[in-house]
Structures are given as structure tokens and as C-alpha cells.
Amino acid sequence: MWETVFAHGVAGPVSGEADLARAEAALGFPLPASYRDFCRRWGAGLAAGHVRILTPGPDPDTDLVAGAELMAHSIGAVLADHPEHRFEVEGDDPTVVERACFFGRSEAGEFLFWDVVPDRPEYEIWVMGADLESVRFGGADLGDLLRRVQGPAVRGILGMGAAPLPSTFAGDDPAPATH
């Protein structure tokens, strides 16, 4: 599947089955199939030159569980100071935000999250604007999102000023071994 997403790429530190199982246990739900495949094939890094996807692993800077908690806490803290805040959700279903589990961030500060609906093998992906106001549909799964940001659909995902992103993946350097 990933050969249709990235024309060029170098994998980063990949997640093993133990990492994926740990993340599922900590988050309390199964990770989507496309994401699990991505973690095993590509690992931590920058997709399409713009999207940093967190993956389960030992590095707290790129770990899914640590990053999801940090993003949710940060967004929650901002919203707690503004109880009147309302999201502008594409499709007018604000409940997607209530089921959000954050798993990535763009270089421009947008947040990627899954709409975690139980008993689904995949969760829709949504993108919350850096302004914490707009919430747009990103894709049916991770491969769909990454294909869509490489074409004209990117404007509906990242904003009207966005241009199609490159078909690349740049893996993070593995953390240096400690002795």
C-alpha cells in the first residue's frame, strides 16, 4: 500500500509488536490497521515534508502515548480557559472532537486525530487547525490522508492556501545508543 503513498522515503525508527501492544493498552483501544502497518514499515518521521506522525516507541519526543497525552492536555488547558469555545467542525458533527485521540501534528501546528469509534478497524482522521477553531476531515485512514494531502484535496484539509505536498517520507534518526 505505501508504494502508492510515498515515491521516495527513508524509514525512521519502526515500532515492534510490543510497542504497538503497549500503546493500545495505554490508550484503551485498538490502533487502526493502516496506522499499525505504517508504524512497522516507516516508523517515526516526517511524511510529505509537513506531517509528523507519532509512533509507539522508547523516544518520548516521538512516542504516540506521550504525544497524545501532551496534545490533549495542551488543547484541554486552552479550552478550559475559554468555556464558551466552540469548534467549527466540517459536517457539523462536533462529537468527533469528543472522541479525538491525537497522533500527529503538521509543521504549521495543525493537530491530527482519530475519531475513535469502537468496533471499527479504521478510524476517520480529522485535522484540527492550529487556531483550535476549525476541524476538517482528513481521510478515511492514514494512507488516504497522506494521498489526499499530495493533491488538490490538501486545500480542504490544511486550508485554501495550501499547495499539494511531496510524496516523501523522511525518517527520524534513531536515538543514539546509551552505554
N, C-alpha and C. Protein backbone atom coordinates (compact mmCIF):
# COMPACT_ATOMS: atom_id res chain seq x y z
N MET A 1 0.81 -1.20 0.00
CA MET A 1 0.00 0.00 0.00
C MET A 1 0.86 1.27 0.00
N TRP A 2 1.95 1.27 0.75
CA TRP A 2 2.71 2.50 0.92
C TRP A 2 3.45 2.92 -0.34
N GLU A 3 3.66 2.00 -1.28
CA GLU A 3 4.30 2.38 -2.54
C GLU A 3 3.41 3.33 -3.34
N THR A 4 2.11 3.38 -3.06
CA THR A 4 1.21 4.33 -3.72
C THR A 4 1.13 5.65 -2.97
N VAL A 5 1.79 5.72 -1.82
CA VAL A 5 1.75 6.93 -1.00
C VAL A 5 3.06 7.71 -1.11
N PHE A 6 4.19 7.02 -0.98
CA PHE A 6 5.49 7.69 -1.00
C PHE A 6 6.31 7.22 -2.19
N ALA A 7 6.71 8.17 -3.04
CA ALA A 7 7.59 7.86 -4.16
C ALA A 7 9.03 7.70 -3.68
N HIS A 8 9.39 8.46 -2.63
CA HIS A 8 10.73 8.43 -2.07
C HIS A 8 10.62 8.44 -0.56
N GLY A 9 11.46 7.66 0.08
CA GLY A 9 11.41 7.68 1.53
C GLY A 9 12.50 6.86 2.18
N VAL A 10 12.82 7.27 3.39
CA VAL A 10 13.77 6.57 4.24
C VAL A 10 13.05 6.35 5.57
N ALA A 11 12.98 5.11 6.00
CA ALA A 11 12.29 4.78 7.24
C ALA A 11 13.03 5.34 8.44
N GLY A 12 12.26 5.61 9.48
CA GLY A 12 12.82 6.00 10.77
C GLY A 12 12.75 4.83 11.72
N PRO A 13 12.89 5.08 13.02
CA PRO A 13 12.77 4.00 14.00
C PRO A 13 11.36 3.41 13.96
N VAL A 14 11.25 2.13 13.63
CA VAL A 14 9.95 1.49 13.48
C VAL A 14 9.48 0.92 14.81
N SER A 15 8.17 0.70 14.89
CA SER A 15 7.56 0.14 16.09
C SER A 15 7.45 -1.37 15.95
N GLY A 16 7.76 -2.06 17.02
CA GLY A 16 7.57 -3.51 17.07
C GLY A 16 6.21 -3.84 17.66
N GLU A 17 5.88 -5.11 17.64
CA GLU A 17 4.58 -5.55 18.17
C GLU A 17 4.42 -5.19 19.64
N ALA A 18 5.50 -5.29 20.43
CA ALA A 18 5.43 -4.94 21.85
C ALA A 18 5.11 -3.45 22.03
N ASP A 19 5.71 -2.60 21.19
CA ASP A 19 5.42 -1.16 21.25
C ASP A 19 3.96 -0.89 20.92
N LEU A 20 3.45 -1.52 19.88
CA LEU A 20 2.06 -1.33 19.46
C LEU A 20 1.10 -1.83 20.54
N ALA A 21 1.40 -2.98 21.13
CA ALA A 21 0.54 -3.53 22.20
C ALA A 21 0.55 -2.62 23.42
N ARG A 22 1.72 -2.07 23.77
CA ARG A 22 1.81 -1.15 24.91
C ARG A 22 0.96 0.09 24.67
N ALA A 23 1.03 0.62 23.46
CA ALA A 23 0.24 1.82 23.14
C ALA A 23 -1.25 1.52 23.21
N GLU A 24 -1.66 0.38 22.67
CA GLU A 24 -3.08 0.01 22.71
C GLU A 24 -3.56 -0.13 24.15
N ALA A 25 -2.75 -0.75 24.99
CA ALA A 25 -3.13 -0.91 26.40
C ALA A 25 -3.23 0.45 27.09
N ALA A 26 -2.28 1.33 26.83
CA ALA A 26 -2.29 2.64 27.48
C ALA A 26 -3.44 3.51 26.99
N LEU A 27 -3.75 3.44 25.69
CA LEU A 27 -4.81 4.27 25.13
C LEU A 27 -6.20 3.68 25.35
N GLY A 28 -6.27 2.37 25.49
CA GLY A 28 -7.55 1.72 25.76
C GLY A 28 -8.38 1.38 24.54
N PHE A 29 -7.75 1.34 23.37
CA PHE A 29 -8.46 0.95 22.15
C PHE A 29 -7.45 0.40 21.15
N PRO A 30 -7.93 -0.43 20.20
CA PRO A 30 -7.02 -0.97 19.19
C PRO A 30 -6.59 0.13 18.21
N LEU A 31 -5.34 0.09 17.84
CA LEU A 31 -4.84 1.05 16.84
C LEU A 31 -5.34 0.63 15.47
N PRO A 32 -5.63 1.62 14.61
CA PRO A 32 -6.14 1.29 13.27
C PRO A 32 -5.12 0.50 12.45
N ALA A 33 -5.62 -0.36 11.59
CA ALA A 33 -4.77 -1.24 10.78
C ALA A 33 -3.78 -0.46 9.92
N SER A 34 -4.22 0.61 9.27
CA SER A 34 -3.32 1.38 8.40
C SER A 34 -2.19 2.01 9.20
N TYR A 35 -2.51 2.47 10.40
CA TYR A 35 -1.50 3.08 11.26
C TYR A 35 -0.50 2.03 11.75
N ARG A 36 -1.00 0.88 12.17
CA ARG A 36 -0.12 -0.20 12.63
C ARG A 36 0.87 -0.58 11.51
N ASP A 37 0.36 -0.70 10.28
CA ASP A 37 1.21 -1.03 9.14
C ASP A 37 2.24 0.07 8.91
N PHE A 38 1.82 1.33 8.99
CA PHE A 38 2.72 2.47 8.84
C PHE A 38 3.85 2.41 9.88
N CYS A 39 3.49 2.16 11.14
CA CYS A 39 4.48 2.12 12.22
C CYS A 39 5.51 1.03 12.01
N ARG A 40 5.09 -0.11 11.49
CA ARG A 40 6.02 -1.22 11.25
C ARG A 40 6.88 -0.97 10.01
N ARG A 41 6.36 -0.25 9.01
CA ARG A 41 7.09 -0.03 7.76
C ARG A 41 7.94 1.24 7.77
N TRP A 42 7.36 2.36 8.23
CA TRP A 42 8.04 3.65 8.13
C TRP A 42 8.55 4.19 9.45
N GLY A 43 7.81 4.02 10.53
CA GLY A 43 8.24 4.49 11.84
C GLY A 43 8.12 6.00 12.00
N ALA A 44 8.87 6.51 12.95
CA ALA A 44 8.80 7.93 13.29
C ALA A 44 9.49 8.77 12.22
N GLY A 45 8.85 9.87 11.85
CA GLY A 45 9.46 10.76 10.87
C GLY A 45 8.48 11.76 10.33
N LEU A 46 8.89 12.42 9.25
CA LEU A 46 8.11 13.49 8.63
C LEU A 46 7.55 13.01 7.29
N ALA A 47 6.23 12.93 7.21
CA ALA A 47 5.56 12.48 5.99
C ALA A 47 5.20 13.69 5.14
N ALA A 48 5.39 13.56 3.85
CA ALA A 48 5.02 14.59 2.87
C ALA A 48 5.65 15.95 3.21
N GLY A 49 6.80 15.92 3.85
CA GLY A 49 7.51 17.15 4.17
C GLY A 49 6.80 18.07 5.13
N HIS A 50 5.69 17.60 5.74
CA HIS A 50 4.87 18.52 6.53
C HIS A 50 4.17 17.89 7.74
N VAL A 51 4.04 16.57 7.76
CA VAL A 51 3.22 15.93 8.78
C VAL A 51 4.07 14.99 9.63
N ARG A 52 4.18 15.31 10.91
CA ARG A 52 4.93 14.46 11.84
C ARG A 52 3.93 13.52 12.50
N ILE A 53 4.15 12.22 12.27
CA ILE A 53 3.27 11.20 12.82
C ILE A 53 3.98 10.52 13.98
N LEU A 54 3.33 10.53 15.13
CA LEU A 54 3.89 9.89 16.31
C LEU A 54 3.72 8.38 16.21
N THR A 55 4.70 7.64 16.69
CA THR A 55 4.65 6.18 16.65
C THR A 55 5.05 5.64 18.03
N PRO A 56 4.51 4.49 18.42
CA PRO A 56 4.89 3.92 19.71
C PRO A 56 6.37 3.55 19.72
N GLY A 57 7.05 3.94 20.77
CA GLY A 57 8.46 3.62 20.88
C GLY A 57 9.07 4.24 22.11
N PRO A 58 10.37 4.03 22.31
CA PRO A 58 11.03 4.48 23.54
C PRO A 58 11.35 5.97 23.60
N ASP A 59 11.36 6.67 22.47
CA ASP A 59 11.71 8.09 22.46
C ASP A 59 10.49 8.93 22.83
N PRO A 60 10.52 9.62 23.98
CA PRO A 60 9.35 10.39 24.40
C PRO A 60 8.97 11.52 23.44
N ASP A 61 9.93 11.99 22.63
CA ASP A 61 9.63 13.06 21.68
C ASP A 61 8.78 12.59 20.51
N THR A 62 8.82 11.29 20.20
CA THR A 62 8.07 10.77 19.06
C THR A 62 7.07 9.69 19.46
N ASP A 63 6.98 9.37 20.75
CA ASP A 63 6.10 8.29 21.22
C ASP A 63 4.63 8.70 21.13
N LEU A 64 3.82 7.81 20.59
CA LEU A 64 2.39 8.06 20.43
C LEU A 64 1.71 8.36 21.75
N VAL A 65 1.91 7.53 22.76
CA VAL A 65 1.18 7.71 24.02
C VAL A 65 1.57 9.02 24.69
N ALA A 66 2.86 9.31 24.79
CA ALA A 66 3.30 10.55 25.41
C ALA A 66 2.80 11.77 24.62
N GLY A 67 2.90 11.69 23.30
CA GLY A 67 2.47 12.81 22.45
C GLY A 67 0.98 13.03 22.48
N ALA A 68 0.20 11.95 22.47
CA ALA A 68 -1.26 12.07 22.52
C ALA A 68 -1.69 12.73 23.82
N GLU A 69 -1.08 12.32 24.92
CA GLU A 69 -1.41 12.92 26.22
C GLU A 69 -1.04 14.40 26.25
N LEU A 70 0.14 14.73 25.76
CA LEU A 70 0.60 16.11 25.77
C LEU A 70 -0.31 17.00 24.92
N MET A 71 -0.65 16.55 23.71
CA MET A 71 -1.52 17.36 22.85
C MET A 71 -2.90 17.53 23.47
N ALA A 72 -3.48 16.45 23.98
CA ALA A 72 -4.81 16.53 24.59
C ALA A 72 -4.79 17.44 25.80
N HIS A 73 -3.75 17.34 26.63
CA HIS A 73 -3.64 18.19 27.80
C HIS A 73 -3.49 19.66 27.40
N SER A 74 -2.63 19.93 26.43
CA SER A 74 -2.40 21.31 26.00
C SER A 74 -3.66 21.94 25.43
N ILE A 75 -4.35 21.20 24.57
CA ILE A 75 -5.59 21.71 23.98
C ILE A 75 -6.65 21.87 25.06
N GLY A 76 -6.75 20.90 25.95
CA GLY A 76 -7.71 20.97 27.06
C GLY A 76 -7.47 22.16 27.96
N ALA A 77 -6.21 22.49 28.22
CA ALA A 77 -5.88 23.64 29.08
C ALA A 77 -6.33 24.95 28.43
N VAL A 78 -6.12 25.06 27.12
CA VAL A 78 -6.56 26.27 26.42
C VAL A 78 -8.09 26.38 26.47
N LEU A 79 -8.75 25.27 26.22
CA LEU A 79 -10.22 25.29 26.19
C LEU A 79 -10.81 25.52 27.58
N ALA A 80 -10.13 25.06 28.63
CA ALA A 80 -10.62 25.28 29.99
C ALA A 80 -10.68 26.76 30.33
N ASP A 81 -9.77 27.54 29.75
CA ASP A 81 -9.76 28.98 29.97
C ASP A 81 -10.81 29.70 29.13
N HIS A 82 -11.44 28.99 28.20
CA HIS A 82 -12.44 29.57 27.30
C HIS A 82 -13.65 28.64 27.21
N PRO A 83 -14.45 28.54 28.27
CA PRO A 83 -15.57 27.59 28.28
C PRO A 83 -16.62 27.85 27.19
N GLU A 84 -16.64 29.04 26.65
CA GLU A 84 -17.60 29.37 25.59
C GLU A 84 -17.13 28.91 24.21
N HIS A 85 -15.93 28.39 24.12
CA HIS A 85 -15.34 27.99 22.84
C HIS A 85 -16.17 26.92 22.14
N ARG A 86 -16.33 27.08 20.85
CA ARG A 86 -17.00 26.08 20.01
C ARG A 86 -16.14 25.85 18.78
N PHE A 87 -15.99 24.59 18.40
CA PHE A 87 -15.25 24.26 17.20
C PHE A 87 -16.15 24.41 15.98
N GLU A 88 -15.55 24.84 14.88
CA GLU A 88 -16.23 24.84 13.59
C GLU A 88 -15.86 23.53 12.91
N VAL A 89 -16.76 22.55 13.03
CA VAL A 89 -16.48 21.20 12.55
C VAL A 89 -17.11 20.99 11.18
N GLU A 90 -16.29 20.60 10.22
CA GLU A 90 -16.80 20.27 8.89
C GLU A 90 -17.84 19.16 9.04
N GLY A 91 -18.99 19.35 8.42
CA GLY A 91 -20.06 18.37 8.52
C GLY A 91 -20.94 18.58 9.75
N ASP A 92 -20.61 19.52 10.57
CA ASP A 92 -21.41 19.91 11.74
C ASP A 92 -21.65 18.78 12.74
N ASP A 93 -20.70 17.85 12.90
CA ASP A 93 -20.81 16.81 13.93
C ASP A 93 -19.73 17.06 14.98
N PRO A 94 -20.00 17.90 15.97
CA PRO A 94 -18.97 18.24 16.96
C PRO A 94 -18.54 17.06 17.84
N THR A 95 -19.26 15.94 17.78
CA THR A 95 -18.88 14.80 18.63
C THR A 95 -17.56 14.18 18.19
N VAL A 96 -17.08 14.47 16.98
CA VAL A 96 -15.78 13.92 16.57
C VAL A 96 -14.69 14.42 17.51
N VAL A 97 -14.82 15.63 18.00
CA VAL A 97 -13.81 16.19 18.91
C VAL A 97 -13.85 15.46 20.25
N GLU A 98 -15.00 15.05 20.69
CA GLU A 98 -15.13 14.33 21.96
C GLU A 98 -14.47 12.96 21.91
N ARG A 99 -14.35 12.38 20.74
CA ARG A 99 -13.76 11.04 20.57
C ARG A 99 -12.31 11.12 20.07
N ALA A 100 -11.73 12.29 20.09
CA ALA A 100 -10.41 12.51 19.50
C ALA A 100 -9.29 11.83 20.27
N CYS A 101 -8.39 11.20 19.51
CA CYS A 101 -7.09 10.76 20.03
C CYS A 101 -6.06 11.32 19.07
N PHE A 102 -5.23 12.22 19.57
CA PHE A 102 -4.24 12.90 18.73
C PHE A 102 -3.05 11.99 18.47
N PHE A 103 -2.57 12.01 17.21
CA PHE A 103 -1.44 11.14 16.85
C PHE A 103 -0.43 11.82 15.95
N GLY A 104 -0.62 13.10 15.66
CA GLY A 104 0.34 13.77 14.80
C GLY A 104 0.11 15.26 14.76
N ARG A 105 1.06 15.94 14.13
CA ARG A 105 0.99 17.39 14.05
C ARG A 105 1.70 17.84 12.78
N SER A 106 1.16 18.89 12.18
CA SER A 106 1.80 19.41 10.97
C SER A 106 2.87 20.42 11.36
N GLU A 107 3.72 20.75 10.42
CA GLU A 107 4.76 21.75 10.65
C GLU A 107 4.15 23.13 10.91
N ALA A 108 2.91 23.35 10.46
CA ALA A 108 2.23 24.62 10.68
C ALA A 108 1.40 24.62 11.97
N GLY A 109 1.44 23.53 12.72
CA GLY A 109 0.76 23.49 14.01
C GLY A 109 -0.62 22.85 14.03
N GLU A 110 -1.09 22.32 12.90
CA GLU A 110 -2.37 21.61 12.92
C GLU A 110 -2.20 20.29 13.66
N PHE A 111 -3.27 19.83 14.30
CA PHE A 111 -3.25 18.57 15.05
C PHE A 111 -4.03 17.51 14.28
N LEU A 112 -3.44 16.32 14.16
CA LEU A 112 -4.12 15.18 13.52
C LEU A 112 -4.71 14.31 14.61
N PHE A 113 -5.96 13.89 14.42
CA PHE A 113 -6.54 12.98 15.39
C PHE A 113 -7.45 11.96 14.74
N TRP A 114 -7.59 10.83 15.44
CA TRP A 114 -8.53 9.81 15.02
C TRP A 114 -9.86 10.09 15.69
N ASP A 115 -10.94 9.82 14.98
CA ASP A 115 -12.28 9.79 15.57
C ASP A 115 -12.47 8.34 16.03
N VAL A 116 -12.18 8.10 17.30
CA VAL A 116 -12.16 6.74 17.82
C VAL A 116 -13.59 6.26 18.08
N VAL A 117 -14.08 5.49 17.14
CA VAL A 117 -15.40 4.88 17.24
C VAL A 117 -15.18 3.39 17.47
N PRO A 118 -15.69 2.85 18.59
CA PRO A 118 -15.44 1.43 18.89
C PRO A 118 -15.87 0.49 17.76
N ASP A 119 -15.20 -0.65 17.73
CA ASP A 119 -15.53 -1.75 16.82
C ASP A 119 -15.33 -1.41 15.35
N ARG A 120 -14.40 -0.52 15.05
CA ARG A 120 -14.04 -0.22 13.66
C ARG A 120 -12.57 -0.56 13.46
N PRO A 121 -12.21 -1.17 12.32
CA PRO A 121 -10.80 -1.48 12.07
C PRO A 121 -10.00 -0.22 11.72
N GLU A 122 -10.68 0.81 11.25
CA GLU A 122 -10.05 2.10 10.92
C GLU A 122 -10.87 3.21 11.56
N TYR A 123 -10.20 4.29 11.89
CA TYR A 123 -10.88 5.47 12.42
C TYR A 123 -10.66 6.60 11.41
N GLU A 124 -11.71 7.38 11.18
CA GLU A 124 -11.52 8.54 10.31
C GLU A 124 -10.47 9.45 10.93
N ILE A 125 -9.75 10.15 10.06
CA ILE A 125 -8.74 11.09 10.51
C ILE A 125 -9.25 12.50 10.27
N TRP A 126 -9.10 13.33 11.29
CA TRP A 126 -9.53 14.72 11.26
C TRP A 126 -8.34 15.60 11.58
N VAL A 127 -8.41 16.85 11.13
CA VAL A 127 -7.32 17.80 11.34
C VAL A 127 -7.90 19.03 12.04
N MET A 128 -7.35 19.32 13.21
CA MET A 128 -7.75 20.50 13.98
C MET A 128 -6.77 21.62 13.65
N GLY A 129 -7.31 22.76 13.25
CA GLY A 129 -6.46 23.89 12.91
C GLY A 129 -5.61 24.35 14.08
N ALA A 130 -4.47 24.94 13.79
CA ALA A 130 -3.58 25.45 14.83
C ALA A 130 -4.28 26.51 15.68
N ASP A 131 -5.31 27.15 15.11
CA ASP A 131 -6.08 28.16 15.85
C ASP A 131 -7.07 27.53 16.82
N LEU A 132 -7.16 26.22 16.85
CA LEU A 132 -8.08 25.46 17.68
C LEU A 132 -9.54 25.84 17.41
N GLU A 133 -9.81 26.23 16.19
CA GLU A 133 -11.18 26.58 15.83
C GLU A 133 -11.74 25.65 14.77
N SER A 134 -11.02 25.45 13.68
CA SER A 134 -11.55 24.64 12.58
C SER A 134 -11.16 23.18 12.75
N VAL A 135 -12.08 22.30 12.39
CA VAL A 135 -11.83 20.86 12.39
C VAL A 135 -12.31 20.35 11.04
N ARG A 136 -11.37 19.80 10.26
CA ARG A 136 -11.67 19.34 8.91
C ARG A 136 -11.40 17.86 8.76
N PHE A 137 -12.20 17.23 7.90
CA PHE A 137 -11.99 15.83 7.58
C PHE A 137 -10.68 15.67 6.84
N GLY A 138 -9.86 14.69 7.27
CA GLY A 138 -8.58 14.46 6.62
C GLY A 138 -8.57 13.25 5.71
N GLY A 139 -9.15 12.14 6.17
CA GLY A 139 -9.14 10.93 5.36
C GLY A 139 -9.79 9.76 6.07
N ALA A 140 -10.09 8.73 5.30
CA ALA A 140 -10.73 7.53 5.84
C ALA A 140 -9.73 6.69 6.64
N ASP A 141 -8.46 6.80 6.32
CA ASP A 141 -7.39 6.10 7.05
C ASP A 141 -6.09 6.85 6.78
N LEU A 142 -4.99 6.38 7.33
CA LEU A 142 -3.73 7.11 7.20
C LEU A 142 -3.25 7.20 5.76
N GLY A 143 -3.35 6.11 5.01
CA GLY A 143 -2.95 6.15 3.60
C GLY A 143 -3.79 7.14 2.81
N ASP A 144 -5.08 7.16 3.07
CA ASP A 144 -5.98 8.09 2.38
C ASP A 144 -5.60 9.54 2.69
N LEU A 145 -5.37 9.85 3.96
CA LEU A 145 -4.96 11.21 4.34
C LEU A 145 -3.70 11.62 3.60
N LEU A 146 -2.68 10.75 3.62
CA LEU A 146 -1.40 11.12 3.02
C LEU A 146 -1.49 11.24 1.50
N ARG A 147 -2.34 10.46 0.86
CA ARG A 147 -2.56 10.63 -0.58
C ARG A 147 -3.29 11.94 -0.85
N ARG A 148 -4.30 12.25 -0.05
CA ARG A 148 -5.11 13.45 -0.27
C ARG A 148 -4.30 14.74 -0.10
N VAL A 149 -3.33 14.77 0.84
CA VAL A 149 -2.55 16.00 1.01
C VAL A 149 -1.53 16.19 -0.12
N GLN A 150 -1.36 15.18 -0.97
CA GLN A 150 -0.46 15.29 -2.10
C GLN A 150 -1.17 15.80 -3.36
N GLY A 151 -2.45 16.09 -3.26
CA GLY A 151 -3.21 16.57 -4.41
C GLY A 151 -4.06 17.78 -4.04
N PRO A 152 -5.00 18.14 -4.90
CA PRO A 152 -5.81 19.34 -4.67
C PRO A 152 -6.66 19.28 -3.40
N ALA A 153 -6.95 18.09 -2.88
CA ALA A 153 -7.74 17.97 -1.65
C ALA A 153 -7.02 18.59 -0.45
N VAL A 154 -5.71 18.85 -0.57
CA VAL A 154 -4.96 19.44 0.52
C VAL A 154 -5.58 20.77 0.97
N ARG A 155 -6.17 21.51 0.05
CA ARG A 155 -6.76 22.81 0.41
C ARG A 155 -7.95 22.64 1.35
N GLY A 156 -8.70 21.58 1.20
CA GLY A 156 -9.81 21.32 2.11
C GLY A 156 -9.36 20.77 3.45
N ILE A 157 -8.14 20.28 3.51
CA ILE A 157 -7.61 19.69 4.74
C ILE A 157 -6.77 20.69 5.53
N LEU A 158 -5.85 21.36 4.84
CA LEU A 158 -4.92 22.27 5.52
C LEU A 158 -5.23 23.74 5.27
N GLY A 159 -6.24 24.03 4.47
CA GLY A 159 -6.61 25.42 4.21
C GLY A 159 -6.43 25.79 2.76
N MET A 160 -7.17 26.79 2.35
CA MET A 160 -7.21 27.18 0.94
C MET A 160 -5.85 27.62 0.39
N GLY A 161 -4.95 28.07 1.23
CA GLY A 161 -3.63 28.49 0.76
C GLY A 161 -2.62 27.36 0.63
N ALA A 162 -3.01 26.16 1.02
CA ALA A 162 -2.07 25.03 0.99
C ALA A 162 -1.88 24.52 -0.44
N ALA A 163 -0.65 24.12 -0.73
CA ALA A 163 -0.31 23.51 -2.02
C ALA A 163 -0.08 22.02 -1.79
N PRO A 164 -0.26 21.21 -2.84
CA PRO A 164 -0.01 19.77 -2.68
C PRO A 164 1.39 19.49 -2.12
N LEU A 165 1.45 18.53 -1.22
CA LEU A 165 2.70 18.18 -0.54
C LEU A 165 3.44 17.09 -1.31
N PRO A 166 4.75 16.97 -1.08
CA PRO A 166 5.54 15.98 -1.81
C PRO A 166 5.25 14.55 -1.36
N SER A 167 5.54 13.62 -2.22
CA SER A 167 5.34 12.19 -1.98
C SER A 167 6.59 11.59 -1.34
N THR A 168 6.90 12.08 -0.13
CA THR A 168 8.15 11.68 0.52
C THR A 168 7.93 11.30 1.98
N PHE A 169 8.88 10.56 2.51
CA PHE A 169 8.94 10.29 3.94
C PHE A 169 10.38 10.38 4.38
N ALA A 170 10.65 11.17 5.42
CA ALA A 170 11.99 11.32 5.98
C ALA A 170 11.96 10.82 7.41
N GLY A 171 12.49 9.63 7.61
CA GLY A 171 12.51 9.04 8.95
C GLY A 171 13.43 9.79 9.88
N ASP A 172 13.04 9.82 11.15
CA ASP A 172 13.89 10.41 12.19
C ASP A 172 15.12 9.55 12.35
N ASP A 173 16.20 10.18 12.75
CA ASP A 173 17.40 9.41 13.09
C ASP A 173 17.12 8.64 14.35
N PRO A 174 17.57 7.39 14.40
CA PRO A 174 17.38 6.63 15.64
C PRO A 174 18.10 7.31 16.80
N ALA A 175 17.52 7.18 17.98
CA ALA A 175 18.16 7.73 19.16
C ALA A 175 19.51 7.06 19.36
N PRO A 176 20.54 7.82 19.74
CA PRO A 176 21.85 7.21 19.95
C PRO A 176 21.79 6.19 21.08
N ALA A 177 22.53 5.12 20.93
CA ALA A 177 22.57 4.09 21.97
C ALA A 177 23.30 4.64 23.19
N THR A 178 22.79 4.29 24.35
CA THR A 178 23.45 4.70 25.59
C THR A 178 24.11 3.47 26.20
N HIS A 179 25.26 3.68 26.77
CA HIS A 179 26.00 2.54 27.35
C HIS A 179 26.12 2.69 28.82
